[in-house]
């Protein structure tokens, strides 16, 4: 996945949680999609119009989901990521 392009050299996200970068990338991808350009919110696009969002946004959505799941799955610490 491409890294976030910030305009300023020292600019950082306000949210410093583990999955914040993925959330920001997903949000920017959704905002650039045709769904959001047709006056829908990113949340509406994910819930009701998921077939209209680009494949890249779906990949970011899955990566964000996996990141959030890894935070609550204690077994993953011992077993490692699935292969």
PDB file of N, CA and C in Angstrom:
ATOM      1  N   UNK A   1       0.831  -1.173   0.000  1.00  0.00           N
ATOM      2  CA  UNK A   1       0.000   0.000   0.000  1.00  0.00           C
ATOM      3  C   UNK A   1       0.887   1.251   0.000  1.00  0.00           C
ATOM      4  N   UNK A   2       0.485   2.265  -0.735  1.00  0.00           N
ATOM      5  CA  UNK A   2       1.287   3.480  -0.740  1.00  0.00           C
ATOM      6  C   UNK A   2       1.147   4.219   0.576  1.00  0.00           C
ATOM      7  N   UNK A   3       2.205   4.871   0.966  1.00  0.00           N
ATOM      8  CA  UNK A   3       2.195   5.639   2.215  1.00  0.00           C
ATOM      9  C   UNK A   3       1.437   6.943   2.001  1.00  0.00           C
ATOM     10  N   UNK A   4       0.956   7.508   3.096  1.00  0.00           N
ATOM     11  CA  UNK A   4       0.224   8.773   3.004  1.00  0.00           C
ATOM     12  C   UNK A   4       1.156   9.874   2.548  1.00  0.00           C
ATOM     13  N   UNK A   5       0.687  10.681   1.618  1.00  0.00           N
ATOM     14  CA  UNK A   5       1.463  11.817   1.147  1.00  0.00           C
ATOM     15  C   UNK A   5       1.021  13.054   1.914  1.00  0.00           C
ATOM     16  N   UNK A   6       1.897  13.559   2.726  1.00  0.00           N
ATOM     17  CA  UNK A   6       1.591  14.762   3.477  1.00  0.00           C
ATOM     18  C   UNK A   6       2.218  15.951   2.766  1.00  0.00           C
ATOM     19  N   UNK A   7       1.567  17.095   2.879  1.00  0.00           N
ATOM     20  CA  UNK A   7       2.064  18.266   2.178  1.00  0.00           C
ATOM     21  C   UNK A   7       3.247  18.898   2.905  1.00  0.00           C
ATOM     22  N   UNK A   8       3.231  18.866   4.188  1.00  0.00           N
ATOM     23  CA  UNK A   8       4.316  19.431   4.988  1.00  0.00           C
ATOM     24  C   UNK A   8       5.271  18.314   5.407  1.00  0.00           C
ATOM     25  N   UNK A   9       6.575  18.589   5.498  1.00  0.00           N
ATOM     26  CA  UNK A   9       7.528  17.520   5.834  1.00  0.00           C
ATOM     27  C   UNK A   9       7.331  16.938   7.225  1.00  0.00           C
ATOM     28  N   UNK A  10       6.906  17.730   8.205  1.00  0.00           N
ATOM     29  CA  UNK A  10       6.754  17.228   9.580  1.00  0.00           C
ATOM     30  C   UNK A  10       5.293  17.042   9.968  1.00  0.00           C
ATOM     31  N   UNK A  11       4.402  16.983   9.016  1.00  0.00           N
ATOM     32  CA  UNK A  11       2.987  16.844   9.310  1.00  0.00           C
ATOM     33  C   UNK A  11       2.680  15.407   9.703  1.00  0.00           C
ATOM     34  N   UNK A  12       1.877  15.236  10.771  1.00  0.00           N
ATOM     35  CA  UNK A  12       1.500  13.912  11.248  1.00  0.00           C
ATOM     36  C   UNK A  12       0.012  13.886  11.530  1.00  0.00           C
ATOM     37  N   UNK A  13      -0.513  12.675  11.649  1.00  0.00           N
ATOM     38  CA  UNK A  13      -1.911  12.520  11.996  1.00  0.00           C
ATOM     39  C   UNK A  13      -2.120  12.878  13.464  1.00  0.00           C
ATOM     40  N   UNK A  14      -3.272  13.428  13.755  1.00  0.00           N
ATOM     41  CA  UNK A  14      -3.597  13.737  15.139  1.00  0.00           C
ATOM     42  C   UNK A  14      -3.825  12.448  15.931  1.00  0.00           C
ATOM     43  N   UNK A  15      -4.470  11.497  15.308  1.00  0.00           N
ATOM     44  CA  UNK A  15      -4.718  10.192  15.915  1.00  0.00           C
ATOM     45  C   UNK A  15      -3.455   9.352  15.780  1.00  0.00           C
ATOM     46  N   UNK A  16      -2.880   8.925  16.876  1.00  0.00           N
ATOM     47  CA  UNK A  16      -1.638   8.155  16.862  1.00  0.00           C
ATOM     48  C   UNK A  16      -1.860   6.689  17.221  1.00  0.00           C
ATOM     49  N   UNK A  17      -3.097   6.192  17.091  1.00  0.00           N
ATOM     50  CA  UNK A  17      -3.353   4.786  17.398  1.00  0.00           C
ATOM     51  C   UNK A  17      -2.733   3.891  16.330  1.00  0.00           C
ATOM     52  N   UNK A  18      -2.713   2.601  16.591  1.00  0.00           N
ATOM     53  CA  UNK A  18      -2.035   1.665  15.699  1.00  0.00           C
ATOM     54  C   UNK A  18      -2.588   1.665  14.277  1.00  0.00           C
ATOM     55  N   UNK A  19      -3.876   1.748  14.134  1.00  0.00           N
ATOM     56  CA  UNK A  19      -4.512   1.628  12.819  1.00  0.00           C
ATOM     57  C   UNK A  19      -4.863   2.988  12.218  1.00  0.00           C
ATOM     58  N   UNK A  20      -4.349   4.052  12.754  1.00  0.00           N
ATOM     59  CA  UNK A  20      -4.720   5.393  12.305  1.00  0.00           C
ATOM     60  C   UNK A  20      -4.315   5.650  10.855  1.00  0.00           C
ATOM     61  N   UNK A  21      -3.151   5.165  10.446  1.00  0.00           N
ATOM     62  CA  UNK A  21      -2.719   5.397   9.068  1.00  0.00           C
ATOM     63  C   UNK A  21      -3.637   4.690   8.075  1.00  0.00           C
ATOM     64  N   UNK A  22      -4.019   3.463   8.388  1.00  0.00           N
ATOM     65  CA  UNK A  22      -4.931   2.739   7.505  1.00  0.00           C
ATOM     66  C   UNK A  22      -6.292   3.417   7.451  1.00  0.00           C
ATOM     67  N   UNK A  23      -6.759   3.910   8.591  1.00  0.00           N
ATOM     68  CA  UNK A  23      -8.044   4.604   8.622  1.00  0.00           C
ATOM     69  C   UNK A  23      -8.000   5.861   7.771  1.00  0.00           C
ATOM     70  N   UNK A  24      -6.906   6.613   7.868  1.00  0.00           N
ATOM     71  CA  UNK A  24      -6.769   7.840   7.083  1.00  0.00           C
ATOM     72  C   UNK A  24      -6.680   7.523   5.583  1.00  0.00           C
ATOM     73  N   UNK A  25      -5.947   6.472   5.221  1.00  0.00           N
ATOM     74  CA  UNK A  25      -5.849   6.090   3.812  1.00  0.00           C
ATOM     75  C   UNK A  25      -7.190   5.631   3.268  1.00  0.00           C
ATOM     76  N   UNK A  26      -7.943   4.858   4.072  1.00  0.00           N
ATOM     77  CA  UNK A  26      -9.262   4.411   3.660  1.00  0.00           C
ATOM     78  C   UNK A  26     -10.200   5.605   3.478  1.00  0.00           C
ATOM     79  N   UNK A  27     -10.148   6.522   4.401  1.00  0.00           N
ATOM     80  CA  UNK A  27     -11.005   7.709   4.311  1.00  0.00           C
ATOM     81  C   UNK A  27     -10.695   8.522   3.059  1.00  0.00           C
ATOM     82  N   UNK A  28      -9.416   8.727   2.778  1.00  0.00           N
ATOM     83  CA  UNK A  28      -9.041   9.502   1.589  1.00  0.00           C
ATOM     84  C   UNK A  28      -9.424   8.762   0.312  1.00  0.00           C
ATOM     85  N   UNK A  29      -9.279   7.459   0.302  1.00  0.00           N
ATOM     86  CA  UNK A  29      -9.667   6.680  -0.867  1.00  0.00           C
ATOM     87  C   UNK A  29     -11.171   6.788  -1.107  1.00  0.00           C
ATOM     88  N   UNK A  30     -11.951   6.695  -0.032  1.00  0.00           N
ATOM     89  CA  UNK A  30     -13.398   6.800  -0.174  1.00  0.00           C
ATOM     90  C   UNK A  30     -13.819   8.191  -0.614  1.00  0.00           C
ATOM     91  N   UNK A  31     -13.165   9.210  -0.082  1.00  0.00           N
ATOM     92  CA  UNK A  31     -13.525  10.574  -0.467  1.00  0.00           C
ATOM     93  C   UNK A  31     -13.222  10.859  -1.938  1.00  0.00           C
ATOM     94  N   UNK A  32     -12.226  10.174  -2.490  1.00  0.00           N
ATOM     95  CA  UNK A  32     -11.887  10.360  -3.901  1.00  0.00           C
ATOM     96  C   UNK A  32     -12.755   9.512  -4.828  1.00  0.00           C
ATOM     97  N   UNK A  33     -13.514   8.584  -4.272  1.00  0.00           N
ATOM     98  CA  UNK A  33     -14.312   7.679  -5.096  1.00  0.00           C
ATOM     99  C   UNK A  33     -15.539   8.391  -5.664  1.00  0.00           C
ATOM    100  N   UNK A  34     -16.123   7.778  -6.680  1.00  0.00           N
ATOM    101  CA  UNK A  34     -17.320   8.343  -7.308  1.00  0.00           C
ATOM    102  C   UNK A  34     -18.503   8.346  -6.362  1.00  0.00           C
ATOM    103  N   UNK A  35     -18.545   7.392  -5.462  1.00  0.00           N
ATOM    104  CA  UNK A  35     -19.658   7.299  -4.516  1.00  0.00           C
ATOM    105  C   UNK A  35     -19.764   8.564  -3.658  1.00  0.00           C
ATOM    106  N   UNK A  36     -18.649   9.019  -3.131  1.00  0.00           N
ATOM    107  CA  UNK A  36     -18.663  10.217  -2.289  1.00  0.00           C
ATOM    108  C   UNK A  36     -18.864  11.481  -3.116  1.00  0.00           C
ATOM    109  N   UNK A  37     -18.495  11.429  -4.368  1.00  0.00           N
ATOM    110  CA  UNK A  37     -18.716  12.588  -5.231  1.00  0.00           C
ATOM    111  C   UNK A  37     -20.192  12.764  -5.568  1.00  0.00           C
ATOM    112  N   UNK A  38     -21.001  11.717  -5.333  1.00  0.00           N
ATOM    113  CA  UNK A  38     -22.440  11.783  -5.568  1.00  0.00           C
ATOM    114  C   UNK A  38     -23.196  12.076  -4.275  1.00  0.00           C
ATOM    115  N   UNK A  39     -22.577  12.853  -3.397  1.00  0.00           N
ATOM    116  CA  UNK A  39     -23.209  13.337  -2.162  1.00  0.00           C
ATOM    117  C   UNK A  39     -23.508  12.256  -1.128  1.00  0.00           C
ATOM    118  N   UNK A  40     -22.715  11.197  -1.111  1.00  0.00           N
ATOM    119  CA  UNK A  40     -22.833  10.182  -0.067  1.00  0.00           C
ATOM    120  C   UNK A  40     -21.663  10.329   0.889  1.00  0.00           C
ATOM    121  N   UNK A  41     -21.884   9.948   2.141  1.00  0.00           N
ATOM    122  CA  UNK A  41     -20.798   9.968   3.113  1.00  0.00           C
ATOM    123  C   UNK A  41     -19.951   8.708   2.938  1.00  0.00           C
ATOM    124  N   UNK A  42     -18.698   8.721   3.402  1.00  0.00           N
ATOM    125  CA  UNK A  42     -17.883   7.498   3.330  1.00  0.00           C
ATOM    126  C   UNK A  42     -18.535   6.311   4.039  1.00  0.00           C
ATOM    127  N   UNK A  43     -19.215   6.555   5.141  1.00  0.00           N
ATOM    128  CA  UNK A  43     -19.895   5.475   5.863  1.00  0.00           C
ATOM    129  C   UNK A  43     -21.021   4.886   5.016  1.00  0.00           C
ATOM    130  N   UNK A  44     -21.799   5.756   4.362  1.00  0.00           N
ATOM    131  CA  UNK A  44     -22.866   5.266   3.490  1.00  0.00           C
ATOM    132  C   UNK A  44     -22.300   4.453   2.337  1.00  0.00           C
ATOM    133  N   UNK A  45     -21.184   4.903   1.795  1.00  0.00           N
ATOM    134  CA  UNK A  45     -20.563   4.172   0.687  1.00  0.00           C
ATOM    135  C   UNK A  45     -20.135   2.774   1.117  1.00  0.00           C
ATOM    136  N   UNK A  46     -19.609   2.649   2.315  1.00  0.00           N
ATOM    137  CA  UNK A  46     -19.185   1.338   2.806  1.00  0.00           C
ATOM    138  C   UNK A  46     -20.368   0.436   3.126  1.00  0.00           C
ATOM    139  N   UNK A  47     -21.424   1.007   3.682  1.00  0.00           N
ATOM    140  CA  UNK A  47     -22.568   0.194   4.100  1.00  0.00           C
ATOM    141  C   UNK A  47     -23.504  -0.164   2.955  1.00  0.00           C
ATOM    142  N   UNK A  48     -23.871   0.830   2.158  1.00  0.00           N
ATOM    143  CA  UNK A  48     -24.945   0.625   1.192  1.00  0.00           C
ATOM    144  C   UNK A  48     -24.488   0.554  -0.262  1.00  0.00           C
ATOM    145  N   UNK A  49     -23.350   1.149  -0.568  1.00  0.00           N
ATOM    146  CA  UNK A  49     -22.900   1.209  -1.957  1.00  0.00           C
ATOM    147  C   UNK A  49     -21.521   0.579  -2.117  1.00  0.00           C
ATOM    148  N   UNK A  50     -21.282  -0.520  -1.433  1.00  0.00           N
ATOM    149  CA  UNK A  50     -19.950  -1.123  -1.454  1.00  0.00           C
ATOM    150  C   UNK A  50     -19.562  -1.647  -2.824  1.00  0.00           C
ATOM    151  N   UNK A  51     -20.545  -1.899  -3.683  1.00  0.00           N
ATOM    152  CA  UNK A  51     -20.219  -2.382  -5.022  1.00  0.00           C
ATOM    153  C   UNK A  51     -19.723  -1.268  -5.937  1.00  0.00           C
ATOM    154  N   UNK A  52     -19.870  -0.002  -5.517  1.00  0.00           N
ATOM    155  CA  UNK A  52     -19.441   1.112  -6.361  1.00  0.00           C
ATOM    156  C   UNK A  52     -18.075   1.670  -5.972  1.00  0.00           C
ATOM    157  N   UNK A  53     -17.517   1.230  -4.837  1.00  0.00           N
ATOM    158  CA  UNK A  53     -16.218   1.778  -4.438  1.00  0.00           C
ATOM    159  C   UNK A  53     -15.108   1.019  -5.156  1.00  0.00           C
ATOM    160  N   UNK A  54     -13.974   1.674  -5.403  1.00  0.00           N
ATOM    161  CA  UNK A  54     -12.872   1.028  -6.132  1.00  0.00           C
ATOM    162  C   UNK A  54     -12.264  -0.152  -5.358  1.00  0.00           C
ATOM    163  N   UNK A  55     -11.609  -1.019  -6.092  1.00  0.00           N
ATOM    164  CA  UNK A  55     -10.981  -2.214  -5.506  1.00  0.00           C
ATOM    165  C   UNK A  55      -9.914  -1.824  -4.487  1.00  0.00           C
ATOM    166  N   UNK A  56      -9.196  -0.753  -4.754  1.00  0.00           N
ATOM    167  CA  UNK A  56      -8.161  -0.294  -3.817  1.00  0.00           C
ATOM    168  C   UNK A  56      -8.775   0.047  -2.460  1.00  0.00           C
ATOM    169  N   UNK A  57      -9.934   0.663  -2.471  1.00  0.00           N
ATOM    170  CA  UNK A  57     -10.607   0.997  -1.207  1.00  0.00           C
ATOM    171  C   UNK A  57     -11.049  -0.269  -0.474  1.00  0.00           C
ATOM    172  N   UNK A  58     -11.482  -1.276  -1.219  1.00  0.00           N
ATOM    173  CA  UNK A  58     -11.849  -2.543  -0.579  1.00  0.00           C
ATOM    174  C   UNK A  58     -10.641  -3.212   0.054  1.00  0.00           C
ATOM    175  N   UNK A  59      -9.491  -3.113  -0.597  1.00  0.00           N
ATOM    176  CA  UNK A  59      -8.273  -3.670  -0.008  1.00  0.00           C
ATOM    177  C   UNK A  59      -7.888  -2.928   1.262  1.00  0.00           C
ATOM    178  N   UNK A  60      -8.008  -1.614   1.240  1.00  0.00           N
ATOM    179  CA  UNK A  60      -7.721  -0.817   2.441  1.00  0.00           C
ATOM    180  C   UNK A  60      -8.718  -1.134   3.548  1.00  0.00           C
ATOM    181  N   UNK A  61      -9.968  -1.352   3.189  1.00  0.00           N
ATOM    182  CA  UNK A  61     -10.999  -1.702   4.163  1.00  0.00           C
ATOM    183  C   UNK A  61     -10.656  -3.023   4.845  1.00  0.00           C
ATOM    184  N   UNK A  62     -10.229  -4.016   4.059  1.00  0.00           N
ATOM    185  CA  UNK A  62      -9.849  -5.309   4.617  1.00  0.00           C
ATOM    186  C   UNK A  62      -8.617  -5.176   5.516  1.00  0.00           C
ATOM    187  N   UNK A  63      -7.634  -4.401   5.076  1.00  0.00           N
ATOM    188  CA  UNK A  63      -6.422  -4.202   5.886  1.00  0.00           C
ATOM    189  C   UNK A  63      -6.754  -3.511   7.194  1.00  0.00           C
ATOM    190  N   UNK A  64      -7.653  -2.532   7.146  1.00  0.00           N
ATOM    191  CA  UNK A  64      -8.071  -1.833   8.363  1.00  0.00           C
ATOM    192  C   UNK A  64      -8.802  -2.802   9.295  1.00  0.00           C
ATOM    193  N   UNK A  65      -9.669  -3.643   8.729  1.00  0.00           N
ATOM    194  CA  UNK A  65     -10.381  -4.635   9.524  1.00  0.00           C
ATOM    195  C   UNK A  65      -9.401  -5.590  10.211  1.00  0.00           C
ATOM    196  N   UNK A  66      -8.416  -6.070   9.465  1.00  0.00           N
ATOM    197  CA  UNK A  66      -7.430  -6.988  10.033  1.00  0.00           C
ATOM    198  C   UNK A  66      -6.612  -6.311  11.132  1.00  0.00           C
ATOM    199  N   UNK A  67      -6.287  -5.043  10.944  1.00  0.00           N
ATOM    200  CA  UNK A  67      -5.536  -4.304  11.954  1.00  0.00           C
ATOM    201  C   UNK A  67      -6.353  -4.182  13.236  1.00  0.00           C
ATOM    202  N   UNK A  68      -7.631  -3.813  13.103  1.00  0.00           N
ATOM    203  CA  UNK A  68      -8.484  -3.676  14.286  1.00  0.00           C
ATOM    204  C   UNK A  68      -8.688  -5.029  14.970  1.00  0.00           C
ATOM    205  N   UNK A  69      -8.832  -6.080  14.172  1.00  0.00           N
ATOM    206  CA  UNK A  69      -9.027  -7.406  14.753  1.00  0.00           C
ATOM    207  C   UNK A  69      -7.793  -7.868  15.503  1.00  0.00           C
ATOM    208  N   UNK A  70      -6.620  -7.519  14.998  1.00  0.00           N
ATOM    209  CA  UNK A  70      -5.392  -7.945  15.670  1.00  0.00           C
ATOM    210  C   UNK A  70      -5.241  -7.270  17.036  1.00  0.00           C
ATOM    211  N   UNK A  71      -5.892  -6.128  17.224  1.00  0.00           N
ATOM    212  CA  UNK A  71      -5.817  -5.449  18.515  1.00  0.00           C
ATOM    213  C   UNK A  71      -6.614  -6.187  19.585  1.00  0.00           C
ATOM    214  N   UNK A  72      -7.679  -6.882  19.176  1.00  0.00           N
ATOM    215  CA  UNK A  72      -8.531  -7.533  20.178  1.00  0.00           C
ATOM    216  C   UNK A  72      -8.313  -9.035  20.254  1.00  0.00           C
ATOM    217  N   UNK A  73      -7.589  -9.623  19.323  1.00  0.00           N
ATOM    218  CA  UNK A  73      -7.363 -11.059  19.307  1.00  0.00           C
ATOM    219  C   UNK A  73      -6.075 -11.384  20.072  1.00  0.00           C
ATOM    220  N   UNK A  74      -6.219 -11.812  21.316  1.00  0.00           N
ATOM    221  CA  UNK A  74      -5.050 -12.085  22.150  1.00  0.00           C
ATOM    222  C   UNK A  74      -4.294 -13.321  21.678  1.00  0.00           C
ATOM    223  N   UNK A  75      -4.984 -14.264  21.033  1.00  0.00           N
ATOM    224  CA  UNK A  75      -4.318 -15.478  20.563  1.00  0.00           C
ATOM    225  C   UNK A  75      -3.298 -15.173  19.481  1.00  0.00           C
ATOM    226  N   UNK A  76      -3.516 -14.104  18.747  1.00  0.00           N
ATOM    227  CA  UNK A  76      -2.628 -13.764  17.633  1.00  0.00           C
ATOM    228  C   UNK A  76      -1.205 -13.454  18.118  1.00  0.00           C
ATOM    229  N   UNK A  77      -1.103 -12.968  19.339  1.00  0.00           N
ATOM    230  CA  UNK A  77       0.226 -12.685  19.877  1.00  0.00           C
ATOM    231  C   UNK A  77       1.076 -13.941  19.943  1.00  0.00           C
ATOM    232  N   UNK A  78       0.445 -15.069  20.256  1.00  0.00           N
ATOM    233  CA  UNK A  78       1.186 -16.316  20.407  1.00  0.00           C
ATOM    234  C   UNK A  78       1.292 -17.086  19.092  1.00  0.00           C
ATOM    235  N   UNK A  79       0.255 -17.068  18.301  1.00  0.00           N
ATOM    236  CA  UNK A  79       0.219 -17.853  17.073  1.00  0.00           C
ATOM    237  C   UNK A  79       0.826 -17.119  15.878  1.00  0.00           C
ATOM    238  N   UNK A  80       0.799 -15.812  15.905  1.00  0.00           N
ATOM    239  CA  UNK A  80       1.283 -15.048  14.756  1.00  0.00           C
ATOM    240  C   UNK A  80       0.197 -14.885  13.717  1.00  0.00           C
ATOM    241  N   UNK A  81       0.484 -14.147  12.657  1.00  0.00           N
ATOM    242  CA  UNK A  81      -0.538 -13.935  11.628  1.00  0.00           C
ATOM    243  C   UNK A  81      -0.846 -15.229  10.877  1.00  0.00           C
ATOM    244  N   UNK A  82      -2.091 -15.325  10.381  1.00  0.00           N
ATOM    245  CA  UNK A  82      -2.491 -16.506   9.603  1.00  0.00           C
ATOM    246  C   UNK A  82      -1.747 -16.517   8.286  1.00  0.00           C
ATOM    247  N   UNK A  83      -1.470 -17.717   7.800  1.00  0.00           N
ATOM    248  CA  UNK A  83      -0.738 -17.838   6.527  1.00  0.00           C
ATOM    249  C   UNK A  83      -1.551 -18.540   5.505  1.00  0.00           C
TER     250      UNK A  83
END
